[in-house]
Amino acid sequence: MLFMKPFQTRSIRLLGVASLSALAVGLTACGANEKSDSPESTVYGSDSSQPSNAANAAGNGGVEQQDKQGNGSSNHDGTQNAAEKRKREGLCATDQLEVTASAEQGAAGTSYYNIVFTNKGSSECTLKGFPGVSLVKDNNGSQIGRSAKRDSSKATEPVALKPGGKAVANLGITKAELHGGSCTPTQADGIRVYPPEETEAAYVPLKATGCEGNVDTLKIQPVQPYAPDAEAPNAG
């Protein structure tokens, strides 16, 4: 009897520790279950669904951005550097511009549109280089296929826009049926346009058919001075 008493006390202590451990595990599991039932926050990125009629939409455009899963501070630094460059060089910001598209004209399996940039601000600004352009669908900004490839057949030159002044960039969209089985034809409701050197986009209503997947259907030329007949696209 005298030798059993310490042994029994030790067993009770071990049993008590085990019970407390099991209770802690149970509480942790309950906490995890309660957390998983709460709604998750949604973060919109360049390729995510977002309101297409918003004037500004964060994403990939005139200024090269980090991948949407990349470092947040790097994205912030890139955007800040772009803003400083615009201010230093007098470049046009998206909120200074009205962005529209001309009526469609077609030639040899390609539809052409002139994207028109109008300075709606009170001071002169400059556009130079290529806009970033992509087709979007579903009235929520979801991107269709790849963004426009750059067509360097025309020279890149700065275009100064006084208040009310305009510049144009020609956009070509090849017919979806020309891409055969590699294309899943998808109806677009508009285009997302990033002015050159900009990180904020404008949405422009435009009816066109694009291709889902890794198919190049869009080509964009650099901005050019506006001419009286610029509303009529020129494929040359």
C-alpha atoms as a PDB file:
ATOM      1  CA  MET A   1       0.000   0.000   0.000  1.00  0.00           C
ATOM      2  CA  LEU A   2       2.732   2.424   0.945  1.00  0.00           C
ATOM      3  CA  PHE A   3       4.456   1.880  -2.431  1.00  0.00           C
ATOM      4  CA  MET A   4       1.271   2.298  -4.480  1.00  0.00           C
ATOM      5  CA  LYS A   5       0.329   5.747  -3.185  1.00  0.00           C
ATOM      6  CA  PRO A   6       3.093   7.763  -4.947  1.00  0.00           C
ATOM      7  CA  PHE A   7       2.399   5.822  -8.158  1.00  0.00           C
ATOM      8  CA  GLN A   8      -1.319   6.644  -7.997  1.00  0.00           C
ATOM      9  CA  THR A   9      -0.565  10.339  -7.368  1.00  0.00           C
ATOM     10  CA  ARG A  10       1.724  10.478 -10.418  1.00  0.00           C
ATOM     11  CA  SER A  11      -0.960   8.800 -12.582  1.00  0.00           C
ATOM     12  CA  ILE A  12      -3.548  11.338 -11.515  1.00  0.00           C
ATOM     13  CA  ARG A  13      -1.173  14.190 -12.343  1.00  0.00           C
ATOM     14  CA  LEU A  14      -0.460  12.773 -15.803  1.00  0.00           C
ATOM     15  CA  LEU A  15      -4.161  12.279 -16.417  1.00  0.00           C
ATOM     16  CA  GLY A  16      -4.802  15.895 -15.437  1.00  0.00           C
ATOM     17  CA  VAL A  17      -2.140  17.187 -17.865  1.00  0.00           C
ATOM     18  CA  ALA A  18      -3.531  15.048 -20.684  1.00  0.00           C
ATOM     19  CA  SER A  19      -7.049  16.336 -20.027  1.00  0.00           C
ATOM     20  CA  LEU A  20      -5.886  19.960 -20.114  1.00  0.00           C
ATOM     21  CA  SER A  21      -4.005  19.324 -23.393  1.00  0.00           C
ATOM     22  CA  ALA A  22      -7.081  17.782 -24.988  1.00  0.00           C
ATOM     23  CA  LEU A  23      -9.180  20.725 -23.840  1.00  0.00           C
ATOM     24  CA  ALA A  24      -6.686  23.195 -25.374  1.00  0.00           C
ATOM     25  CA  VAL A  25      -6.730  21.330 -28.694  1.00  0.00           C
ATOM     26  CA  GLY A  26     -10.536  21.346 -28.690  1.00  0.00           C
ATOM     27  CA  LEU A  27     -10.685  25.096 -28.055  1.00  0.00           C
ATOM     28  CA  THR A  28      -8.148  25.735 -30.838  1.00  0.00           C
ATOM     29  CA  ALA A  29     -10.188  23.655 -33.282  1.00  0.00           C
ATOM     30  CA  CYS A  30     -13.345  25.550 -32.362  1.00  0.00           C
ATOM     31  CA  GLY A  31     -11.561  28.857 -32.937  1.00  0.00           C
ATOM     32  CA  ALA A  32     -10.371  27.714 -36.366  1.00  0.00           C
ATOM     33  CA  ASN A  33     -13.879  26.610 -37.344  1.00  0.00           C
ATOM     34  CA  GLU A  34     -15.376  29.905 -36.250  1.00  0.00           C
ATOM     35  CA  LYS A  35     -12.746  31.830 -38.240  1.00  0.00           C
ATOM     36  CA  SER A  36     -13.337  29.817 -41.417  1.00  0.00           C
ATOM     37  CA  ASP A  37     -17.029  30.664 -41.287  1.00  0.00           C
ATOM     38  CA  SER A  38     -16.338  34.399 -41.445  1.00  0.00           C
ATOM     39  CA  PRO A  39     -16.425  36.052 -44.906  1.00  0.00           C
ATOM     40  CA  GLU A  40     -13.070  36.644 -46.598  1.00  0.00           C
ATOM     41  CA  SER A  41     -12.108  40.070 -47.869  1.00  0.00           C
ATOM     42  CA  THR A  42     -11.746  40.421 -51.649  1.00  0.00           C
ATOM     43  CA  VAL A  43      -8.727  42.094 -53.205  1.00  0.00           C
ATOM     44  CA  TYR A  44      -9.039  43.250 -56.806  1.00  0.00           C
ATOM     45  CA  GLY A  45      -5.983  43.062 -59.065  1.00  0.00           C
ATOM     46  CA  SER A  46      -5.162  43.843 -62.694  1.00  0.00           C
ATOM     47  CA  ASP A  47      -6.837  40.682 -63.961  1.00  0.00           C
ATOM     48  CA  SER A  48      -9.588  40.484 -61.356  1.00  0.00           C
ATOM     49  CA  SER A  49     -13.236  41.331 -61.816  1.00  0.00           C
ATOM     50  CA  GLN A  50     -13.851  44.993 -61.055  1.00  0.00           C
ATOM     51  CA  PRO A  51     -16.389  47.613 -62.186  1.00  0.00           C
ATOM     52  CA  SER A  52     -15.614  48.338 -65.815  1.00  0.00           C
ATOM     53  CA  ASN A  53     -17.234  51.771 -65.771  1.00  0.00           C
ATOM     54  CA  ALA A  54     -14.828  53.052 -63.142  1.00  0.00           C
ATOM     55  CA  ALA A  55     -12.557  55.740 -64.518  1.00  0.00           C
ATOM     56  CA  ASN A  56      -9.592  54.376 -62.603  1.00  0.00           C
ATOM     57  CA  ALA A  57      -8.674  50.714 -62.251  1.00  0.00           C
ATOM     58  CA  ALA A  58      -5.424  49.509 -60.760  1.00  0.00           C
ATOM     59  CA  GLY A  59      -3.517  47.085 -62.944  1.00  0.00           C
ATOM     60  CA  ASN A  60      -0.981  46.534 -65.609  1.00  0.00           C
ATOM     61  CA  GLY A  61      -0.665  49.339 -68.149  1.00  0.00           C
ATOM     62  CA  GLY A  62       1.586  52.008 -69.581  1.00  0.00           C
ATOM     63  CA  VAL A  63       4.060  51.574 -66.713  1.00  0.00           C
ATOM     64  CA  GLU A  64       5.297  48.043 -66.031  1.00  0.00           C
ATOM     65  CA  GLN A  65       3.936  46.754 -62.708  1.00  0.00           C
ATOM     66  CA  GLN A  66       4.923  43.990 -60.298  1.00  0.00           C
ATOM     67  CA  ASP A  67       2.997  40.727 -60.593  1.00  0.00           C
ATOM     68  CA  LYS A  68      -0.317  40.951 -58.737  1.00  0.00           C
ATOM     69  CA  GLN A  69       1.095  38.564 -56.117  1.00  0.00           C
ATOM     70  CA  GLY A  70       4.351  40.517 -55.846  1.00  0.00           C
ATOM     71  CA  ASN A  71       5.743  42.759 -53.157  1.00  0.00           C
ATOM     72  CA  GLY A  72       3.336  45.490 -52.108  1.00  0.00           C
ATOM     73  CA  SER A  73       6.085  47.983 -51.285  1.00  0.00           C
ATOM     74  CA  SER A  74       7.606  47.491 -54.749  1.00  0.00           C
ATOM     75  CA  ASN A  75       4.239  48.304 -56.335  1.00  0.00           C
ATOM     76  CA  HIS A  76       3.993  51.438 -54.208  1.00  0.00           C
ATOM     77  CA  ASP A  77       7.520  52.518 -55.133  1.00  0.00           C
ATOM     78  CA  GLY A  78       6.850  51.955 -58.849  1.00  0.00           C
ATOM     79  CA  THR A  79       3.640  53.982 -58.747  1.00  0.00           C
ATOM     80  CA  GLN A  80       5.330  56.784 -56.809  1.00  0.00           C
ATOM     81  CA  ASN A  81       8.257  56.888 -59.258  1.00  0.00           C
ATOM     82  CA  ALA A  82       5.839  57.024 -62.199  1.00  0.00           C
ATOM     83  CA  ALA A  83       3.961  59.921 -60.592  1.00  0.00           C
ATOM     84  CA  GLU A  84       7.207  61.804 -60.007  1.00  0.00           C
ATOM     85  CA  LYS A  85       8.247  61.259 -63.628  1.00  0.00           C
ATOM     86  CA  ARG A  86       4.881  62.531 -64.912  1.00  0.00           C
ATOM     87  CA  LYS A  87       5.179  65.665 -62.823  1.00  0.00           C
ATOM     88  CA  ARG A  88       8.810  66.244 -63.805  1.00  0.00           C
ATOM     89  CA  GLU A  89       8.213  65.776 -67.543  1.00  0.00           C
ATOM     90  CA  GLY A  90       4.712  67.269 -67.673  1.00  0.00           C
ATOM     91  CA  LEU A  91       3.129  63.995 -68.808  1.00  0.00           C
ATOM     92  CA  CYS A  92      -0.643  63.611 -68.976  1.00  0.00           C
ATOM     93  CA  ALA A  93      -2.313  61.791 -66.090  1.00  0.00           C
ATOM     94  CA  THR A  94      -5.380  59.645 -66.682  1.00  0.00           C
ATOM     95  CA  ASP A  95      -7.665  61.979 -64.753  1.00  0.00           C
ATOM     96  CA  GLN A  96      -6.624  64.814 -67.093  1.00  0.00           C
ATOM     97  CA  LEU A  97      -7.803  62.899 -70.139  1.00  0.00           C
ATOM     98  CA  GLU A  98     -11.051  61.950 -71.790  1.00  0.00           C
ATOM     99  CA  VAL A  99     -10.456  58.665 -73.623  1.00  0.00           C
ATOM    100  CA  THR A 100     -12.750  57.583 -76.468  1.00  0.00           C
ATOM    101  CA  ALA A 101     -12.666  55.230 -79.460  1.00  0.00           C
ATOM    102  CA  SER A 102     -13.624  55.869 -83.072  1.00  0.00           C
ATOM    103  CA  ALA A 103     -16.056  53.765 -85.065  1.00  0.00           C
ATOM    104  CA  GLU A 104     -14.750  50.448 -86.378  1.00  0.00           C
ATOM    105  CA  GLN A 105     -13.161  50.145 -89.795  1.00  0.00           C
ATOM    106  CA  GLY A 106     -11.981  46.817 -91.172  1.00  0.00           C
ATOM    107  CA  ALA A 107      -9.300  45.622 -93.558  1.00  0.00           C
ATOM    108  CA  ALA A 108      -7.846  42.178 -94.358  1.00  0.00           C
ATOM    109  CA  GLY A 109      -9.219  40.366 -91.328  1.00  0.00           C
ATOM    110  CA  THR A 110      -8.506  43.157 -88.836  1.00  0.00           C
ATOM    111  CA  SER A 111     -10.754  45.777 -87.253  1.00  0.00           C
ATOM    112  CA  TYR A 112      -9.151  49.174 -86.630  1.00  0.00           C
ATOM    113  CA  TYR A 113     -10.052  51.827 -84.083  1.00  0.00           C
ATOM    114  CA  ASN A 114      -8.433  55.127 -83.200  1.00  0.00           C
ATOM    115  CA  ILE A 115      -8.173  55.675 -79.479  1.00  0.00           C
ATOM    116  CA  VAL A 116      -8.533  59.417 -78.927  1.00  0.00           C
ATOM    117  CA  PHE A 117      -7.031  61.192 -75.901  1.00  0.00           C
ATOM    118  CA  THR A 118      -8.443  64.664 -75.157  1.00  0.00           C
ATOM    119  CA  ASN A 119      -6.897  66.959 -72.555  1.00  0.00           C
ATOM    120  CA  LYS A 120      -9.825  67.992 -70.371  1.00  0.00           C
ATOM    121  CA  GLY A 121      -7.597  69.738 -67.824  1.00  0.00           C
ATOM    122  CA  SER A 122      -6.680  73.397 -67.465  1.00  0.00           C
ATOM    123  CA  SER A 123      -2.960  73.047 -68.217  1.00  0.00           C
ATOM    124  CA  GLU A 124      -0.855  71.631 -71.053  1.00  0.00           C
ATOM    125  CA  CYS A 125       0.471  68.083 -70.758  1.00  0.00           C
ATOM    126  CA  THR A 126       2.375  65.659 -72.988  1.00  0.00           C
ATOM    127  CA  LEU A 127       1.764  62.112 -74.222  1.00  0.00           C
ATOM    128  CA  LYS A 128       4.615  59.985 -75.547  1.00  0.00           C
ATOM    129  CA  GLY A 129       4.827  56.289 -76.316  1.00  0.00           C
ATOM    130  CA  PHE A 130       2.399  53.397 -76.260  1.00  0.00           C
ATOM    131  CA  PRO A 131      -0.861  53.085 -74.354  1.00  0.00           C
ATOM    132  CA  GLY A 132      -1.595  49.815 -72.579  1.00  0.00           C
ATOM    133  CA  VAL A 133      -4.793  48.273 -73.997  1.00  0.00           C
ATOM    134  CA  SER A 134      -6.794  45.125 -73.273  1.00  0.00           C
ATOM    135  CA  LEU A 135     -10.277  43.838 -74.051  1.00  0.00           C
ATOM    136  CA  VAL A 136     -12.652  43.409 -71.101  1.00  0.00           C
ATOM    137  CA  LYS A 137     -15.955  41.560 -70.671  1.00  0.00           C
ATOM    138  CA  ASP A 138     -18.997  40.866 -68.476  1.00  0.00           C
ATOM    139  CA  ASN A 139     -19.413  44.539 -67.548  1.00  0.00           C
ATOM    140  CA  ASN A 140     -16.998  44.028 -64.661  1.00  0.00           C
ATOM    141  CA  GLY A 141     -13.551  44.588 -66.150  1.00  0.00           C
ATOM    142  CA  SER A 142     -12.534  40.923 -66.546  1.00  0.00           C
ATOM    143  CA  GLN A 143      -9.741  40.817 -69.119  1.00  0.00           C
ATOM    144  CA  ILE A 144      -9.995  38.773 -72.323  1.00  0.00           C
ATOM    145  CA  GLY A 145      -6.752  37.197 -73.508  1.00  0.00           C
ATOM    146  CA  ARG A 146      -3.508  39.106 -73.760  1.00  0.00           C
ATOM    147  CA  SER A 147      -2.920  42.834 -73.675  1.00  0.00           C
ATOM    148  CA  ALA A 148      -2.079  44.584 -76.948  1.00  0.00           C
ATOM    149  CA  LYS A 149       1.347  44.037 -78.465  1.00  0.00           C
ATOM    150  CA  ARG A 150       3.274  47.131 -79.522  1.00  0.00           C
ATOM    151  CA  ASP A 151       3.380  47.968 -83.211  1.00  0.00           C
ATOM    152  CA  SER A 152       6.501  50.041 -83.863  1.00  0.00           C
ATOM    153  CA  SER A 153       5.781  50.759 -87.526  1.00  0.00           C
ATOM    154  CA  LYS A 154       5.307  54.426 -86.589  1.00  0.00           C
ATOM    155  CA  ALA A 155       7.827  56.619 -84.806  1.00  0.00           C
ATOM    156  CA  THR A 156       7.396  57.485 -81.156  1.00  0.00           C
ATOM    157  CA  GLU A 157       7.264  61.232 -80.610  1.00  0.00           C
ATOM    158  CA  PRO A 158       6.016  63.490 -77.827  1.00  0.00           C
ATOM    159  CA  VAL A 159       2.604  65.046 -78.453  1.00  0.00           C
ATOM    160  CA  ALA A 160       1.886  68.233 -76.501  1.00  0.00           C
ATOM    161  CA  LEU A 161      -1.772  68.681 -75.605  1.00  0.00           C
ATOM    162  CA  LYS A 162      -3.058  72.110 -74.730  1.00  0.00           C
ATOM    163  CA  PRO A 163      -6.400  72.223 -72.895  1.00  0.00           C
ATOM    164  CA  GLY A 164      -8.884  70.690 -75.339  1.00  0.00           C
ATOM    165  CA  GLY A 165      -6.062  69.257 -77.475  1.00  0.00           C
ATOM    166  CA  LYS A 166      -6.138  65.686 -78.780  1.00  0.00           C
ATOM    167  CA  ALA A 167      -3.842  62.796 -79.691  1.00  0.00           C
ATOM    168  CA  VAL A 168      -4.620  59.392 -81.200  1.00  0.00           C
ATOM    169  CA  ALA A 169      -3.274  55.845 -81.089  1.00  0.00           C
ATOM    170  CA  ASN A 170      -4.350  53.218 -83.613  1.00  0.00           C
ATOM    171  CA  LEU A 171      -5.611  49.874 -82.272  1.00  0.00           C
ATOM    172  CA  GLY A 172      -5.922  46.777 -84.461  1.00  0.00           C
ATOM    173  CA  ILE A 173      -7.973  43.716 -83.455  1.00  0.00           C
ATOM    174  CA  THR A 174      -7.601  40.634 -85.651  1.00  0.00           C
ATOM    175  CA  LYS A 175     -10.715  38.564 -86.335  1.00  0.00           C
ATOM    176  CA  ALA A 176     -11.151  35.728 -83.833  1.00  0.00           C
ATOM    177  CA  GLU A 177     -11.915  33.162 -86.537  1.00  0.00           C
ATOM    178  CA  LEU A 178      -8.441  33.624 -88.028  1.00  0.00           C
ATOM    179  CA  HIS A 179      -6.860  32.005 -84.963  1.00  0.00           C
ATOM    180  CA  GLY A 180      -8.570  28.631 -85.434  1.00  0.00           C
ATOM    181  CA  GLY A 181      -8.694  26.157 -82.563  1.00  0.00           C
ATOM    182  CA  SER A 182      -6.315  28.195 -80.406  1.00  0.00           C
ATOM    183  CA  CYS A 183      -9.028  30.824 -79.931  1.00  0.00           C
ATOM    184  CA  THR A 184     -12.125  30.694 -77.757  1.00  0.00           C
ATOM    185  CA  PRO A 185     -14.177  33.606 -79.198  1.00  0.00           C
ATOM    186  CA  THR A 186     -15.385  35.895 -76.412  1.00  0.00           C
ATOM    187  CA  GLN A 187     -17.529  39.009 -76.675  1.00  0.00           C
ATOM    188  CA  ALA A 188     -16.030  42.182 -75.200  1.00  0.00           C
ATOM    189  CA  ASP A 189     -18.019  45.137 -73.926  1.00  0.00           C
ATOM    190  CA  GLY A 190     -15.092  47.545 -73.915  1.00  0.00           C
ATOM    191  CA  ILE A 191     -11.377  48.194 -73.646  1.00  0.00           C
ATOM    192  CA  ARG A 192      -9.225  49.105 -70.676  1.00  0.00           C
ATOM    193  CA  VAL A 193      -6.766  51.845 -71.661  1.00  0.00           C
ATOM    194  CA  TYR A 194      -3.689  53.017 -69.776  1.00  0.00           C
ATOM    195  CA  PRO A 195      -2.254  56.254 -71.208  1.00  0.00           C
ATOM    196  CA  PRO A 196       1.537  56.113 -71.751  1.00  0.00           C
ATOM    197  CA  GLU A 197       3.544  56.095 -68.504  1.00  0.00           C
ATOM    198  CA  GLU A 198       0.330  55.781 -66.466  1.00  0.00           C
ATOM    199  CA  THR A 199      -0.733  53.292 -63.797  1.00  0.00           C
ATOM    200  CA  GLU A 200      -4.427  54.256 -63.749  1.00  0.00           C
ATOM    201  CA  ALA A 201      -6.767  53.062 -66.491  1.00  0.00           C
ATOM    202  CA  ALA A 202      -9.815  54.402 -68.290  1.00  0.00           C
ATOM    203  CA  TYR A 203     -12.685  52.218 -69.498  1.00  0.00           C
ATOM    204  CA  VAL A 204     -13.950  52.804 -73.053  1.00  0.00           C
ATOM    205  CA  PRO A 205     -17.129  51.050 -74.300  1.00  0.00           C
ATOM    206  CA  LEU A 206     -16.383  49.077 -77.465  1.00  0.00           C
ATOM    207  CA  LYS A 207     -18.051  46.026 -79.020  1.00  0.00           C
ATOM    208  CA  ALA A 208     -15.532  43.492 -80.297  1.00  0.00           C
ATOM    209  CA  THR A 209     -14.720  39.784 -80.192  1.00  0.00           C
ATOM    210  CA  GLY A 210     -11.494  38.632 -78.581  1.00  0.00           C
ATOM    211  CA  CYS A 211      -9.841  35.294 -77.808  1.00  0.00           C
ATOM    212  CA  GLU A 212      -9.509  33.808 -74.348  1.00  0.00           C
ATOM    213  CA  GLY A 213      -6.121  32.313 -73.518  1.00  0.00           C
ATOM    214  CA  ASN A 214      -2.631  33.005 -74.806  1.00  0.00           C
ATOM    215  CA  VAL A 215      -3.594  34.414 -78.190  1.00  0.00           C
ATOM    216  CA  ASP A 216      -2.384  37.767 -79.528  1.00  0.00           C
ATOM    217  CA  THR A 217      -5.290  39.567 -81.191  1.00  0.00           C
ATOM    218  CA  LEU A 218      -4.473  43.209 -80.339  1.00  0.00           C
ATOM    219  CA  LYS A 219      -1.823  45.574 -81.707  1.00  0.00           C
ATOM    220  CA  ILE A 220      -1.372  49.168 -80.596  1.00  0.00           C
ATOM    221  CA  GLN A 221       0.631  51.968 -82.218  1.00  0.00           C
ATOM    222  CA  PRO A 222       2.220  54.862 -80.295  1.00  0.00           C
ATOM    223  CA  VAL A 223       0.275  58.083 -79.786  1.00  0.00           C
ATOM    224  CA  GLN A 224       0.361  60.474 -82.743  1.00  0.00           C
ATOM    225  CA  PRO A 225      -0.717  64.088 -83.293  1.00  0.00           C
ATOM    226  CA  TYR A 226      -4.419  64.464 -83.920  1.00  0.00           C
ATOM    227  CA  ALA A 227      -5.551  65.294 -87.469  1.00  0.00           C
ATOM    228  CA  PRO A 228      -9.032  66.415 -88.605  1.00  0.00           C
ATOM    229  CA  ASP A 229      -9.656  62.978 -90.137  1.00  0.00           C
ATOM    230  CA  ALA A 230      -8.204  61.089 -87.154  1.00  0.00           C
ATOM    231  CA  GLU A 231     -11.612  59.758 -86.136  1.00  0.00           C
ATOM    232  CA  ALA A 232     -11.335  57.495 -89.207  1.00  0.00           C
ATOM    233  CA  PRO A 233      -8.768  54.760 -88.357  1.00  0.00           C
ATOM    234  CA  ASN A 234      -5.725  54.417 -90.566  1.00  0.00           C
ATOM    235  CA  ALA A 235      -4.124  50.987 -90.725  1.00  0.00           C
ATOM    236  CA  GLY A 236      -0.984  52.321 -92.371  1.00  0.00           C
END
